[in-house]
Amino acid sequence: MWDVIEREKAHFDRIRYLSLPSSTPVDVLVRQHRAILDAVVNRRPAAADKALRKHLQEVLRITDDLAAAHQDLFVRDA
């Protein structure tokens, strides 16, 4: 799993940097991260899966908006 995270981290960092002026409010992101961590710490895999999917949906929403605003920086999959 760590290999996947390391491979994709640069892409997620780019999304984070581009989204700073207009991203999801920090308090929402903190709540999402806390929900993921809480589920993992308490060994609730179904809850962790649900919380992570919710957070990643936010990332995808932001990515679509950023790709539209910065078409020169993104390549759409065919």
Protein backbone atom coordinates (compact mmCIF):
# COMPACT_ATOMS: atom_id res chain seq x y z
CA MET A 1 0.00 0.00 0.00
CA TRP A 2 2.84 2.36 0.84
CA ASP A 3 4.19 2.04 -2.72
CA VAL A 4 0.85 3.26 -4.08
CA ILE A 5 0.77 6.17 -1.63
CA GLU A 6 4.31 7.24 -2.52
CA ARG A 7 3.57 7.00 -6.25
CA GLU A 8 0.41 9.11 -6.01
CA LYS A 9 1.57 11.60 -3.36
CA ALA A 10 3.05 14.04 -5.88
CA HIS A 11 -0.28 14.23 -7.69
CA PHE A 12 -2.18 14.82 -4.45
CA ASP A 13 0.34 17.48 -3.41
CA ARG A 14 -0.22 19.27 -6.71
CA ILE A 15 -3.99 19.19 -6.12
CA ARG A 16 -3.54 20.56 -2.60
CA TYR A 17 -1.29 23.42 -3.72
CA LEU A 18 -3.55 24.41 -6.59
CA SER A 19 -6.65 24.27 -4.40
CA LEU A 20 -5.34 26.38 -1.52
CA PRO A 21 -7.13 29.60 -2.47
CA SER A 22 -10.49 27.92 -3.03
CA SER A 23 -10.43 24.50 -1.43
CA THR A 24 -12.79 22.83 0.98
CA PRO A 25 -12.76 24.66 4.34
CA VAL A 26 -10.03 23.39 6.63
CA ASP A 27 -12.48 22.51 9.42
CA VAL A 28 -14.28 20.13 7.05
CA LEU A 29 -11.01 18.46 6.05
CA VAL A 30 -9.95 18.14 9.70
CA ARG A 31 -13.27 16.48 10.56
CA GLN A 32 -12.85 14.08 7.65
CA HIS A 33 -9.30 13.17 8.71
CA ARG A 34 -10.39 12.71 12.32
CA ALA A 35 -13.18 10.37 11.24
CA ILE A 36 -10.70 8.27 9.25
CA LEU A 37 -8.21 8.17 12.11
CA ASP A 38 -10.88 7.39 14.71
CA ALA A 39 -12.14 4.45 12.67
CA VAL A 40 -8.62 3.07 12.15
CA VAL A 41 -7.61 3.49 15.80
CA ASN A 42 -10.81 1.82 16.96
CA ARG A 43 -10.39 -1.00 14.41
CA ARG A 44 -13.64 -0.31 12.59
CA PRO A 45 -12.74 -1.12 8.97
CA ALA A 46 -16.21 -0.46 7.55
CA ALA A 47 -16.29 2.98 9.17
CA ALA A 48 -12.73 3.70 7.98
CA ASP A 49 -13.68 2.70 4.44
CA LYS A 50 -16.77 4.93 4.51
CA ALA A 51 -14.87 7.92 5.94
CA LEU A 52 -12.02 7.55 3.45
CA ARG A 53 -14.39 7.27 0.51
CA LYS A 54 -16.21 10.42 1.65
CA HIS A 55 -12.91 12.29 1.87
CA LEU A 56 -11.74 11.06 -1.53
CA GLN A 57 -15.02 12.16 -3.10
CA GLU A 58 -14.15 15.68 -1.94
CA VAL A 59 -10.71 15.36 -3.53
CA LEU A 60 -12.30 14.25 -6.81
CA ARG A 61 -14.74 17.17 -6.74
CA ILE A 62 -11.90 19.61 -6.21
CA THR A 63 -9.85 17.93 -8.94
CA ASP A 64 -12.62 18.33 -11.50
CA ASP A 65 -12.92 22.04 -10.67
CA LEU A 66 -9.15 22.53 -10.81
CA ALA A 67 -8.83 20.66 -14.10
CA ALA A 68 -11.44 22.94 -15.63
CA ALA A 69 -9.70 26.06 -14.32
CA HIS A 70 -6.14 24.91 -15.19
CA GLN A 71 -6.54 22.87 -18.37
CA ASP A 72 -2.86 23.33 -19.20
CA LEU A 73 -1.83 21.43 -16.05
CA PHE A 74 -4.05 18.35 -16.37
CA VAL A 75 -4.32 15.52 -18.85
CA ARG A 76 -7.69 13.78 -19.02
CA ASP A 77 -7.72 10.00 -19.27
CA ALA A 78 -9.21 8.71 -22.49
